[in-house]
Amino acid sequence: ESLKRPAKEHAQTHMVKKLSPLMDIFLNDAFAVSHRSQLSIT
């Protein structure tokens, strides 16, 4: 989660691969951490 990576690399992680098939939409409501390129943000 805390690794600084481009969004495309984060998209290849286990978290995204396991959760995204169960989801229809993603919303970012976490402004305070959006200056960080972290997994659950991008």
PDB file of all heavy atoms in Angstrom:
ATOM      1  N   GLU A   1       0.825  -1.209   0.000  1.00  0.00           N
ATOM      2  CA  GLU A   1       0.000   0.000   0.000  1.00  0.00           C
ATOM      3  C   GLU A   1       0.860   1.261   0.000  1.00  0.00           C
ATOM      4  O   GLU A   1       0.561   2.230  -0.693  1.00  0.00           O
ATOM      5  CB  GLU A   1      -0.932   0.003   1.216  1.00  0.00           C
ATOM      6  CG  GLU A   1      -1.543   1.341   1.578  1.00  0.00           C
ATOM      7  CD  GLU A   1      -2.502   1.915   0.526  1.00  0.00           C
ATOM      8  OE1 GLU A   1      -2.949   1.160  -0.354  1.00  0.00           O
ATOM      9  OE2 GLU A   1      -2.801   3.117   0.601  1.00  0.00           O
ATOM     10  N   SER A   2       1.929   1.260   0.789  1.00  0.00           N
ATOM     11  CA  SER A   2       2.704   2.486   0.990  1.00  0.00           C
ATOM     12  C   SER A   2       3.836   2.689  -0.019  1.00  0.00           C
ATOM     13  O   SER A   2       4.551   3.682   0.060  1.00  0.00           O
ATOM     14  CB  SER A   2       3.280   2.504   2.415  1.00  0.00           C
ATOM     15  OG  SER A   2       2.221   2.485   3.345  1.00  0.00           O
ATOM     16  N   LEU A   3       3.981   1.771  -0.962  1.00  0.00           N
ATOM     17  CA  LEU A   3       5.018   1.945  -1.979  1.00  0.00           C
ATOM     18  C   LEU A   3       4.610   3.033  -2.958  1.00  0.00           C
ATOM     19  O   LEU A   3       3.451   3.109  -3.374  1.00  0.00           O
ATOM     20  CB  LEU A   3       5.250   0.638  -2.742  1.00  0.00           C
ATOM     21  CG  LEU A   3       5.812  -0.544  -1.934  1.00  0.00           C
ATOM     22  CD1 LEU A   3       5.949  -1.766  -2.835  1.00  0.00           C
ATOM     23  CD2 LEU A   3       7.166  -0.198  -1.312  1.00  0.00           C
ATOM     24  N   LYS A   4       5.561   3.872  -3.308  1.00  0.00           N
ATOM     25  CA  LYS A   4       5.291   4.941  -4.276  1.00  0.00           C
ATOM     26  C   LYS A   4       5.558   4.399  -5.673  1.00  0.00           C
ATOM     27  O   LYS A   4       6.697   4.152  -6.059  1.00  0.00           O
ATOM     28  CB  LYS A   4       6.200   6.146  -3.971  1.00  0.00           C
ATOM     29  CG  LYS A   4       5.876   7.364  -4.811  1.00  0.00           C
ATOM     30  CD  LYS A   4       6.798   8.525  -4.458  1.00  0.00           C
ATOM     31  CE  LYS A   4       6.540   9.716  -5.378  1.00  0.00           C
ATOM     32  NZ  LYS A   4       7.456  10.828  -5.108  1.00  0.00           N
ATOM     33  N   ARG A   5       4.476   4.201  -6.424  1.00  0.00           N
ATOM     34  CA  ARG A   5       4.574   3.635  -7.766  1.00  0.00           C
ATOM     35  C   ARG A   5       3.597   4.313  -8.704  1.00  0.00           C
ATOM     36  O   ARG A   5       2.607   4.884  -8.261  1.00  0.00           O
ATOM     37  CB  ARG A   5       4.189   2.143  -7.736  1.00  0.00           C
ATOM     38  CG  ARG A   5       5.158   1.200  -7.079  1.00  0.00           C
ATOM     39  CD  ARG A   5       4.476  -0.146  -6.982  1.00  0.00           C
ATOM     40  NE  ARG A   5       5.351  -1.224  -6.590  1.00  0.00           N
ATOM     41  CZ  ARG A   5       4.926  -2.423  -6.208  1.00  0.00           C
ATOM     42  NH1 ARG A   5       3.627  -2.660  -6.155  1.00  0.00           N
ATOM     43  NH2 ARG A   5       5.772  -3.366  -5.870  1.00  0.00           N
ATOM     44  N   PRO A   6       3.802   4.216 -10.003  1.00  0.00           N
ATOM     45  CA  PRO A   6       2.800   4.708 -10.955  1.00  0.00           C
ATOM     46  C   PRO A   6       1.511   3.886 -10.823  1.00  0.00           C
ATOM     47  O   PRO A   6       1.547   2.713 -10.407  1.00  0.00           O
ATOM     48  CB  PRO A   6       3.452   4.477 -12.327  1.00  0.00           C
ATOM     49  CG  PRO A   6       4.906   4.292 -12.048  1.00  0.00           C
ATOM     50  CD  PRO A   6       5.002   3.713 -10.682  1.00  0.00           C
ATOM     51  N   ALA A   7       0.391   4.477 -11.202  1.00  0.00           N
ATOM     52  CA  ALA A   7      -0.914   3.813 -11.087  1.00  0.00           C
ATOM     53  C   ALA A   7      -0.934   2.474 -11.818  1.00  0.00           C
ATOM     54  O   ALA A   7      -1.499   1.487 -11.319  1.00  0.00           O
ATOM     55  CB  ALA A   7      -2.005   4.731 -11.627  1.00  0.00           C
ATOM     56  N   LYS A   8      -0.310   2.406 -12.992  1.00  0.00           N
ATOM     57  CA  LYS A   8      -0.314   1.159 -13.777  1.00  0.00           C
ATOM     58  C   LYS A   8       0.358   0.012 -13.020  1.00  0.00           C
ATOM     59  O   LYS A   8      -0.080  -1.140 -13.116  1.00  0.00           O
ATOM     60  CB  LYS A   8       0.380   1.376 -15.122  1.00  0.00           C
ATOM     61  CG  LYS A   8      -0.460   2.155 -16.128  1.00  0.00           C
ATOM     62  CD  LYS A   8       0.207   2.213 -17.479  1.00  0.00           C
ATOM     63  CE  LYS A   8      -0.554   3.097 -18.460  1.00  0.00           C
ATOM     64  NZ  LYS A   8      -1.924   2.633 -18.711  1.00  0.00           N
ATOM     65  N   GLU A   9       1.405   0.316 -12.251  1.00  0.00           N
ATOM     66  CA  GLU A   9       2.079  -0.728 -11.461  1.00  0.00           C
ATOM     67  C   GLU A   9       1.217  -1.137 -10.275  1.00  0.00           C
ATOM     68  O   GLU A   9       1.124  -2.310  -9.936  1.00  0.00           O
ATOM     69  CB  GLU A   9       3.450  -0.235 -10.995  1.00  0.00           C
ATOM     70  CG  GLU A   9       4.475  -0.168 -12.112  1.00  0.00           C
ATOM     71  CD  GLU A   9       5.855   0.227 -11.615  1.00  0.00           C
ATOM     72  OE1 GLU A   9       6.216  -0.126 -10.464  1.00  0.00           O
ATOM     73  OE2 GLU A   9       6.571   0.919 -12.370  1.00  0.00           O
ATOM     74  N   HIS A  10       0.576  -0.142  -9.630  1.00  0.00           N
ATOM     75  CA  HIS A  10      -0.326  -0.476  -8.529  1.00  0.00           C
ATOM     76  C   HIS A  10      -1.467  -1.364  -9.004  1.00  0.00           C
ATOM     77  O   HIS A  10      -1.950  -2.225  -8.263  1.00  0.00           O
ATOM     78  CB  HIS A  10      -0.904   0.806  -7.924  1.00  0.00           C
ATOM     79  CG  HIS A  10       0.022   1.523  -6.987  1.00  0.00           C
ATOM     80  ND1 HIS A  10       0.760   0.876  -6.013  1.00  0.00           N
ATOM     81  CD2 HIS A  10       0.312   2.845  -6.865  1.00  0.00           C
ATOM     82  CE1 HIS A  10       1.463   1.771  -5.339  1.00  0.00           C
ATOM     83  NE2 HIS A  10       1.221   2.959  -5.834  1.00  0.00           N
ATOM     84  N   ALA A  11      -1.901  -1.166 -10.234  1.00  0.00           N
ATOM     85  CA  ALA A  11      -3.025  -1.950 -10.774  1.00  0.00           C
ATOM     86  C   ALA A  11      -2.690  -3.430 -10.925  1.00  0.00           C
ATOM     87  O   ALA A  11      -3.595  -4.263 -11.041  1.00  0.00           O
ATOM     88  CB  ALA A  11      -3.459  -1.369 -12.116  1.00  0.00           C
ATOM     89  N   GLN A  12      -1.390  -3.743 -10.902  1.00  0.00           N
ATOM     90  CA  GLN A  12      -0.969  -5.141 -11.039  1.00  0.00           C
ATOM     91  C   GLN A  12      -0.830  -5.862  -9.702  1.00  0.00           C
ATOM     92  O   GLN A  12      -0.466  -7.040  -9.664  1.00  0.00           O
ATOM     93  CB  GLN A  12       0.381  -5.198 -11.786  1.00  0.00           C
ATOM     94  CG  GLN A  12       0.337  -4.630 -13.196  1.00  0.00           C
ATOM     95  CD  GLN A  12      -0.714  -5.299 -14.059  1.00  0.00           C
ATOM     96  OE1 GLN A  12      -0.794  -6.528 -14.109  1.00  0.00           O
ATOM     97  NE2 GLN A  12      -1.544  -4.501 -14.718  1.00  0.00           N
ATOM     98  N   THR A  13      -1.119  -5.195  -8.598  1.00  0.00           N
ATOM     99  CA  THR A  13      -0.944  -5.801  -7.272  1.00  0.00           C
ATOM    100  C   THR A  13      -2.089  -6.758  -6.939  1.00  0.00           C
ATOM    101  O   THR A  13      -3.155  -6.717  -7.546  1.00  0.00           O
ATOM    102  CB  THR A  13      -0.881  -4.715  -6.183  1.00  0.00           C
ATOM    103  OG1 THR A  13      -2.081  -3.934  -6.242  1.00  0.00           O
ATOM    104  CG2 THR A  13       0.328  -3.812  -6.370  1.00  0.00           C
ATOM    105  N   HIS A  14      -1.831  -7.599  -5.941  1.00  0.00           N
ATOM    106  CA  HIS A  14      -2.843  -8.576  -5.495  1.00  0.00           C
ATOM    107  C   HIS A  14      -4.110  -7.878  -5.022  1.00  0.00           C
ATOM    108  O   HIS A  14      -5.218  -8.339  -5.283  1.00  0.00           O
ATOM    109  CB  HIS A  14      -2.280  -9.448  -4.368  1.00  0.00           C
ATOM    110  CG  HIS A  14      -1.185 -10.374  -4.801  1.00  0.00           C
ATOM    111  ND1 HIS A  14      -1.387 -11.374  -5.723  1.00  0.00           N
ATOM    112  CD2 HIS A  14       0.124 -10.434  -4.452  1.00  0.00           C
ATOM    113  CE1 HIS A  14      -0.247 -12.029  -5.923  1.00  0.00           C
ATOM    114  NE2 HIS A  14       0.683 -11.473  -5.169  1.00  0.00           N
ATOM    115  N   MET A  15      -3.950  -6.747  -4.315  1.00  0.00           N
ATOM    116  CA  MET A  15      -5.130  -6.063  -3.779  1.00  0.00           C
ATOM    117  C   MET A  15      -6.082  -5.675  -4.903  1.00  0.00           C
ATOM    118  O   MET A  15      -7.290  -5.918  -4.834  1.00  0.00           O
ATOM    119  CB  MET A  15      -4.740  -4.811  -2.982  1.00  0.00           C
ATOM    120  CG  MET A  15      -5.932  -4.183  -2.259  1.00  0.00           C
ATOM    121  SD  MET A  15      -5.654  -2.498  -1.649  1.00  0.00           S
ATOM    122  CE  MET A  15      -4.429  -2.731  -0.394  1.00  0.00           C
ATOM    123  N   VAL A  16      -5.549  -5.050  -5.952  1.00  0.00           N
ATOM    124  CA  VAL A  16      -6.389  -4.608  -7.071  1.00  0.00           C
ATOM    125  C   VAL A  16      -6.946  -5.807  -7.835  1.00  0.00           C
ATOM    126  O   VAL A  16      -8.139  -5.850  -8.175  1.00  0.00           O
ATOM    127  CB  VAL A  16      -5.602  -3.673  -8.012  1.00  0.00           C
ATOM    128  CG1 VAL A  16      -6.420  -3.326  -9.251  1.00  0.00           C
ATOM    129  CG2 VAL A  16      -5.212  -2.393  -7.272  1.00  0.00           C
ATOM    130  N   LYS A  17      -6.120  -6.815  -8.094  1.00  0.00           N
ATOM    131  CA  LYS A  17      -6.568  -7.982  -8.860  1.00  0.00           C
ATOM    132  C   LYS A  17      -7.641  -8.781  -8.134  1.00  0.00           C
ATOM    133  O   LYS A  17      -8.539  -9.348  -8.770  1.00  0.00           O
ATOM    134  CB  LYS A  17      -5.369  -8.873  -9.188  1.00  0.00           C
ATOM    135  CG  LYS A  17      -4.470  -8.295 -10.284  1.00  0.00           C
ATOM    136  CD  LYS A  17      -3.350  -9.240 -10.620  1.00  0.00           C
ATOM    137  CE  LYS A  17      -2.528  -8.708 -11.803  1.00  0.00           C
ATOM    138  NZ  LYS A  17      -1.409  -9.609 -12.133  1.00  0.00           N
ATOM    139  N   LYS A  18      -7.565  -8.812  -6.807  1.00  0.00           N
ATOM    140  CA  LYS A  18      -8.546  -9.595  -6.024  1.00  0.00           C
ATOM    141  C   LYS A  18      -9.849  -8.831  -5.804  1.00  0.00           C
ATOM    142  O   LYS A  18     -10.934  -9.416  -5.801  1.00  0.00           O
ATOM    143  CB  LYS A  18      -7.946  -9.979  -4.665  1.00  0.00           C
ATOM    144  CG  LYS A  18      -6.760 -10.924  -4.731  1.00  0.00           C
ATOM    145  CD  LYS A  18      -7.197 -12.340  -4.993  1.00  0.00           C
ATOM    146  CE  LYS A  18      -6.033 -13.332  -4.846  1.00  0.00           C
ATOM    147  NZ  LYS A  18      -6.447 -14.707  -5.147  1.00  0.00           N
ATOM    148  N   LEU A  19      -9.757  -7.526  -5.580  1.00  0.00           N
ATOM    149  CA  LEU A  19     -10.958  -6.749  -5.242  1.00  0.00           C
ATOM    150  C   LEU A  19     -11.705  -6.206  -6.452  1.00  0.00           C
ATOM    151  O   LEU A  19     -12.940  -6.154  -6.459  1.00  0.00           O
ATOM    152  CB  LEU A  19     -10.597  -5.581  -4.307  1.00  0.00           C
ATOM    153  CG  LEU A  19     -10.237  -5.916  -2.861  1.00  0.00           C
ATOM    154  CD1 LEU A  19      -9.933  -4.636  -2.086  1.00  0.00           C
ATOM    155  CD2 LEU A  19     -11.353  -6.689  -2.168  1.00  0.00           C
ATOM    156  N   SER A  20     -10.980  -5.769  -7.486  1.00  0.00           N
ATOM    157  CA  SER A  20     -11.643  -5.072  -8.597  1.00  0.00           C
ATOM    158  C   SER A  20     -12.717  -5.896  -9.329  1.00  0.00           C
ATOM    159  O   SER A  20     -13.728  -5.319  -9.742  1.00  0.00           O
ATOM    160  CB  SER A  20     -10.615  -4.518  -9.593  1.00  0.00           C
ATOM    161  OG  SER A  20      -9.792  -5.539 -10.088  1.00  0.00           O
ATOM    162  N   PRO A  21     -12.557  -7.239  -9.465  1.00  0.00           N
ATOM    163  CA  PRO A  21     -13.632  -7.982 -10.143  1.00  0.00           C
ATOM    164  C   PRO A  21     -14.967  -7.944  -9.396  1.00  0.00           C
ATOM    165  O   PRO A  21     -16.020  -8.204  -9.999  1.00  0.00           O
ATOM    166  CB  PRO A  21     -13.088  -9.422 -10.202  1.00  0.00           C
ATOM    167  CG  PRO A  21     -11.607  -9.285 -10.088  1.00  0.00           C
ATOM    168  CD  PRO A  21     -11.397  -8.117  -9.174  1.00  0.00           C
ATOM    169  N   LEU A  22     -14.921  -7.610  -8.103  1.00  0.00           N
ATOM    170  CA  LEU A  22     -16.146  -7.563  -7.290  1.00  0.00           C
ATOM    171  C   LEU A  22     -16.795  -6.189  -7.309  1.00  0.00           C
ATOM    172  O   LEU A  22     -17.866  -5.993  -6.744  1.00  0.00           O
ATOM    173  CB  LEU A  22     -15.816  -7.950  -5.838  1.00  0.00           C
ATOM    174  CG  LEU A  22     -15.204  -9.335  -5.624  1.00  0.00           C
ATOM    175  CD1 LEU A  22     -14.626  -9.445  -4.219  1.00  0.00           C
ATOM    176  CD2 LEU A  22     -16.253 -10.412  -5.854  1.00  0.00           C
ATOM    177  N   MET A  23     -16.129  -5.203  -7.922  1.00  0.00           N
ATOM    178  CA  MET A  23     -16.578  -3.807  -7.871  1.00  0.00           C
ATOM    179  C   MET A  23     -17.100  -3.316  -9.218  1.00  0.00           C
ATOM    180  O   MET A  23     -16.657  -3.768 -10.271  1.00  0.00           O
ATOM    181  CB  MET A  23     -15.417  -2.896  -7.432  1.00  0.00           C
ATOM    182  CG  MET A  23     -14.717  -3.318  -6.153  1.00  0.00           C
ATOM    183  SD  MET A  23     -15.821  -3.324  -4.729  1.00  0.00           S
ATOM    184  CE  MET A  23     -14.783  -4.201  -3.534  1.00  0.00           C
ATOM    185  N   ASP A  24     -18.027  -2.356  -9.153  1.00  0.00           N
ATOM    186  CA  ASP A  24     -18.534  -1.702 -10.361  1.00  0.00           C
ATOM    187  C   ASP A  24     -17.913  -0.320 -10.557  1.00  0.00           C
ATOM    188  O   ASP A  24     -17.710   0.124 -11.692  1.00  0.00           O
ATOM    189  CB  ASP A  24     -20.055  -1.545 -10.268  1.00  0.00           C
ATOM    190  CG  ASP A  24     -20.764  -2.887 -10.198  1.00  0.00           C
ATOM    191  OD1 ASP A  24     -20.564  -3.697 -11.123  1.00  0.00           O
ATOM    192  OD2 ASP A  24     -21.490  -3.139  -9.215  1.00  0.00           O
ATOM    193  N   ILE A  25     -17.638   0.380  -9.442  1.00  0.00           N
ATOM    194  CA  ILE A  25     -17.184   1.778  -9.486  1.00  0.00           C
ATOM    195  C   ILE A  25     -16.172   2.006  -8.372  1.00  0.00           C
ATOM    196  O   ILE A  25     -16.285   1.416  -7.288  1.00  0.00           O
ATOM    197  CB  ILE A  25     -18.381   2.749  -9.287  1.00  0.00           C
ATOM    198  CG1 ILE A  25     -19.426   2.580 -10.398  1.00  0.00           C
ATOM    199  CG2 ILE A  25     -17.923   4.211  -9.196  1.00  0.00           C
ATOM    200  CD1 ILE A  25     -20.791   3.143 -10.039  1.00  0.00           C
ATOM    201  N   PHE A  26     -15.190   2.874  -8.627  1.00  0.00           N
ATOM    202  CA  PHE A  26     -14.265   3.314  -7.577  1.00  0.00           C
ATOM    203  C   PHE A  26     -14.402   4.814  -7.385  1.00  0.00           C
ATOM    204  O   PHE A  26     -14.416   5.577  -8.359  1.00  0.00           O
ATOM    205  CB  PHE A  26     -12.811   2.985  -7.947  1.00  0.00           C
ATOM    206  CG  PHE A  26     -11.798   3.598  -7.016  1.00  0.00           C
ATOM    207  CD1 PHE A  26     -11.612   3.094  -5.735  1.00  0.00           C
ATOM    208  CD2 PHE A  26     -11.045   4.706  -7.403  1.00  0.00           C
ATOM    209  CE1 PHE A  26     -10.698   3.669  -4.858  1.00  0.00           C
ATOM    210  CE2 PHE A  26     -10.124   5.293  -6.536  1.00  0.00           C
ATOM    211  CZ  PHE A  26      -9.952   4.759  -5.258  1.00  0.00           C
ATOM    212  N   LEU A  27     -14.524   5.246  -6.141  1.00  0.00           N
ATOM    213  CA  LEU A  27     -14.566   6.673  -5.815  1.00  0.00           C
ATOM    214  C   LEU A  27     -13.436   7.012  -4.857  1.00  0.00           C
ATOM    215  O   LEU A  27     -13.241   6.321  -3.844  1.00  0.00           O
ATOM    216  CB  LEU A  27     -15.899   7.045  -5.154  1.00  0.00           C
ATOM    217  CG  LEU A  27     -17.168   6.892  -5.998  1.00  0.00           C
ATOM    218  CD1 LEU A  27     -18.394   7.194  -5.147  1.00  0.00           C
ATOM    219  CD2 LEU A  27     -17.134   7.799  -7.225  1.00  0.00           C
ATOM    220  N   ASN A  28     -12.688   8.057  -5.160  1.00  0.00           N
ATOM    221  CA  ASN A  28     -11.662   8.556  -4.239  1.00  0.00           C
ATOM    222  C   ASN A  28     -12.267   9.707  -3.447  1.00  0.00           C
ATOM    223  O   ASN A  28     -12.584  10.754  -4.016  1.00  0.00           O
ATOM    224  CB  ASN A  28     -10.430   9.022  -5.015  1.00  0.00           C
ATOM    225  CG  ASN A  28      -9.308   9.494  -4.092  1.00  0.00           C
ATOM    226  OD1 ASN A  28      -9.480   9.591  -2.880  1.00  0.00           O
ATOM    227  ND2 ASN A  28      -8.157   9.792  -4.671  1.00  0.00           N
ATOM    228  N   ASP A  29     -12.429   9.506  -2.156  1.00  0.00           N
ATOM    229  CA  ASP A  29     -12.948  10.566  -1.284  1.00  0.00           C
ATOM    230  C   ASP A  29     -11.908  10.966  -0.242  1.00  0.00           C
ATOM    231  O   ASP A  29     -12.225  11.610   0.754  1.00  0.00           O
ATOM    232  CB  ASP A  29     -14.238  10.094  -0.593  1.00  0.00           C
ATOM    233  CG  ASP A  29     -15.198  11.248  -0.302  1.00  0.00           C
ATOM    234  OD1 ASP A  29     -15.156  12.252  -1.036  1.00  0.00           O
ATOM    235  OD2 ASP A  29     -16.000  11.132   0.643  1.00  0.00           O
ATOM    236  N   ALA A  30     -10.653  10.551  -0.491  1.00  0.00           N
ATOM    237  CA  ALA A  30      -9.574  10.768   0.479  1.00  0.00           C
ATOM    238  C   ALA A  30      -8.621  11.850  -0.012  1.00  0.00           C
ATOM    239  O   ALA A  30      -7.473  11.577  -0.373  1.00  0.00           O
ATOM    240  CB  ALA A  30      -8.821   9.455   0.727  1.00  0.00           C
ATOM    241  N   PHE A  31      -9.086  13.093  -0.013  1.00  0.00           N
ATOM    242  CA  PHE A  31      -8.259  14.206  -0.484  1.00  0.00           C
ATOM    243  C   PHE A  31      -6.937  14.283   0.270  1.00  0.00           C
ATOM    244  O   PHE A  31      -5.885  14.510  -0.324  1.00  0.00           O
ATOM    245  CB  PHE A  31      -9.020  15.524  -0.334  1.00  0.00           C
ATOM    246  CG  PHE A  31      -8.199  16.741  -0.653  1.00  0.00           C
ATOM    247  CD1 PHE A  31      -7.919  17.083  -1.973  1.00  0.00           C
ATOM    248  CD2 PHE A  31      -7.686  17.549   0.355  1.00  0.00           C
ATOM    249  CE1 PHE A  31      -7.143  18.199  -2.279  1.00  0.00           C
ATOM    250  CE2 PHE A  31      -6.913  18.665   0.059  1.00  0.00           C
ATOM    251  CZ  PHE A  31      -6.638  18.984  -1.266  1.00  0.00           C
ATOM    252  N   ALA A  32      -6.985  14.102   1.590  1.00  0.00           N
ATOM    253  CA  ALA A  32      -5.806  14.329   2.441  1.00  0.00           C
ATOM    254  C   ALA A  32      -4.627  13.421   2.136  1.00  0.00           C
ATOM    255  O   ALA A  32      -3.498  13.722   2.522  1.00  0.00           O
ATOM    256  CB  ALA A  32      -6.191  14.195   3.919  1.00  0.00           C
ATOM    257  N   VAL A  33      -4.864  12.299   1.447  1.00  0.00           N
ATOM    258  CA  VAL A  33      -3.735  11.425   1.076  1.00  0.00           C
ATOM    259  C   VAL A  33      -3.539  11.351  -0.436  1.00  0.00           C
ATOM    260  O   VAL A  33      -2.744  10.558  -0.925  1.00  0.00           O
ATOM    261  CB  VAL A  33      -3.880   9.992   1.657  1.00  0.00           C
ATOM    262  CG1 VAL A  33      -3.357   9.924   3.063  1.00  0.00           C
ATOM    263  CG2 VAL A  33      -5.298   9.473   1.591  1.00  0.00           C
ATOM    264  N   SER A  34      -4.228  12.200  -1.173  1.00  0.00           N
ATOM    265  CA  SER A  34      -4.151  12.131  -2.630  1.00  0.00           C
ATOM    266  C   SER A  34      -2.915  12.804  -3.212  1.00  0.00           C
ATOM    267  O   SER A  34      -2.718  12.809  -4.423  1.00  0.00           O
ATOM    268  CB  SER A  34      -5.428  12.705  -3.252  1.00  0.00           C
ATOM    269  OG  SER A  34      -6.485  11.788  -3.043  1.00  0.00           O
ATOM    270  N   HIS A  35      -2.067  13.361  -2.329  1.00  0.00           N
ATOM    271  CA  HIS A  35      -0.777  13.866  -2.820  1.00  0.00           C
ATOM    272  C   HIS A  35       0.262  12.741  -2.816  1.00  0.00           C
ATOM    273  O   HIS A  35       1.410  12.952  -3.184  1.00  0.00           O
ATOM    274  CB  HIS A  35      -0.289  15.045  -1.973  1.00  0.00           C
ATOM    275  CG  HIS A  35      -0.125  14.761  -0.507  1.00  0.00           C
ATOM    276  ND1 HIS A  35      -1.042  14.048   0.240  1.00  0.00           N
ATOM    277  CD2 HIS A  35       0.865  15.092   0.365  1.00  0.00           C
ATOM    278  CE1 HIS A  35      -0.629  13.966   1.486  1.00  0.00           C
ATOM    279  NE2 HIS A  35       0.536  14.584   1.577  1.00  0.00           N
ATOM    280  N   ARG A  36      -0.177  11.532  -2.430  1.00  0.00           N
ATOM    281  CA  ARG A  36       0.713  10.365  -2.433  1.00  0.00           C
ATOM    282  C   ARG A  36       0.239   9.372  -3.495  1.00  0.00           C
ATOM    283  O   ARG A  36      -0.951   9.087  -3.595  1.00  0.00           O
ATOM    284  CB  ARG A  36       0.713   9.684  -1.063  1.00  0.00           C
ATOM    285  CG  ARG A  36       1.052  10.617   0.086  1.00  0.00           C
ATOM    286  CD  ARG A  36       1.150   9.849   1.399  1.00  0.00           C
ATOM    287  NE  ARG A  36       1.213  10.735   2.537  1.00  0.00           N
ATOM    288  CZ  ARG A  36       2.285  11.422   2.915  1.00  0.00           C
ATOM    289  NH1 ARG A  36       3.397  11.311   2.216  1.00  0.00           N
ATOM    290  NH2 ARG A  36       2.251  12.212   3.969  1.00  0.00           N
ATOM    291  N   SER A  37       1.176   8.832  -4.259  1.00  0.00           N
ATOM    292  CA  SER A  37       0.814   7.842  -5.275  1.00  0.00           C
ATOM    293  C   SER A  37       0.830   6.460  -4.639  1.00  0.00           C
ATOM    294  O   SER A  37       1.751   5.670  -4.834  1.00  0.00           O
ATOM    295  CB  SER A  37       1.794   7.901  -6.450  1.00  0.00           C
ATOM    296  OG  SER A  37       1.422   6.962  -7.431  1.00  0.00           O
ATOM    297  N   GLN A  38      -0.193   6.189  -3.820  1.00  0.00           N
ATOM    298  CA  GLN A  38      -0.255   4.915  -3.102  1.00  0.00           C
ATOM    299  C   GLN A  38      -1.323   4.006  -3.708  1.00  0.00           C
ATOM    300  O   GLN A  38      -2.241   4.465  -4.400  1.00  0.00           O
ATOM    301  CB  GLN A  38      -0.506   5.171  -1.617  1.00  0.00           C
ATOM    302  CG  GLN A  38       0.683   5.884  -0.979  1.00  0.00           C
ATOM    303  CD  GLN A  38       0.560   6.083   0.525  1.00  0.00           C
ATOM    304  OE1 GLN A  38      -0.534   6.073   1.079  1.00  0.00           O
ATOM    305  NE2 GLN A  38       1.682   6.283   1.180  1.00  0.00           N
ATOM    306  N   LEU A  39      -1.203   2.721  -3.417  1.00  0.00           N
ATOM    307  CA  LEU A  39      -1.992   1.686  -4.072  1.00  0.00           C
ATOM    308  C   LEU A  39      -3.496   1.957  -4.047  1.00  0.00           C
ATOM    309  O   LEU A  39      -4.159   1.993  -5.089  1.00  0.00           O
ATOM    310  CB  LEU A  39      -1.685   0.340  -3.388  1.00  0.00           C
ATOM    311  CG  LEU A  39      -2.011  -0.959  -4.116  1.00  0.00           C
ATOM    312  CD1 LEU A  39      -1.388  -2.128  -3.388  1.00  0.00           C
ATOM    313  CD2 LEU A  39      -3.490  -1.203  -4.285  1.00  0.00           C
ATOM    314  N   SER A  40      -4.056   2.148  -2.854  1.00  0.00           N
ATOM    315  CA  SER A  40      -5.513   2.289  -2.748  1.00  0.00           C
ATOM    316  C   SER A  40      -6.009   3.638  -3.256  1.00  0.00           C
ATOM    317  O   SER A  40      -7.210   3.850  -3.408  1.00  0.00           O
ATOM    318  CB  SER A  40      -5.957   2.085  -1.290  1.00  0.00           C
ATOM    319  OG  SER A  40      -5.416   3.093  -0.456  1.00  0.00           O
ATOM    320  N   ILE A  41      -5.095   4.565  -3.528  1.00  0.00           N
ATOM    321  CA  ILE A  41      -5.456   5.884  -4.050  1.00  0.00           C
ATOM    322  C   ILE A  41      -5.499   5.874  -5.580  1.00  0.00           C
ATOM    323  O   ILE A  41      -6.393   6.448  -6.196  1.00  0.00           O
ATOM    324  CB  ILE A  41      -4.446   6.952  -3.559  1.00  0.00           C
ATOM    325  CG1 ILE A  41      -4.525   7.102  -2.023  1.00  0.00           C
ATOM    326  CG2 ILE A  41      -4.668   8.286  -4.244  1.00  0.00           C
ATOM    327  CD1 ILE A  41      -5.822   7.706  -1.517  1.00  0.00           C
ATOM    328  N   THR A  42      -4.527   5.212  -6.212  1.00  0.00           N
ATOM    329  CA  THR A  42      -4.424   5.279  -7.680  1.00  0.00           C
ATOM    330  C   THR A  42      -4.630   3.946  -8.402  1.00  0.00           C
ATOM    331  O   THR A  42      -4.994   3.945  -9.585  1.00  0.00           O
ATOM    332  CB  THR A  42      -3.053   5.846  -8.103  1.00  0.00           C
ATOM    333  OG1 THR A  42      -2.018   4.935  -7.692  1.00  0.00           O
ATOM    334  CG2 THR A  42      -2.797   7.213  -7.470  1.00  0.00           C
TER     335      THR A  42
END
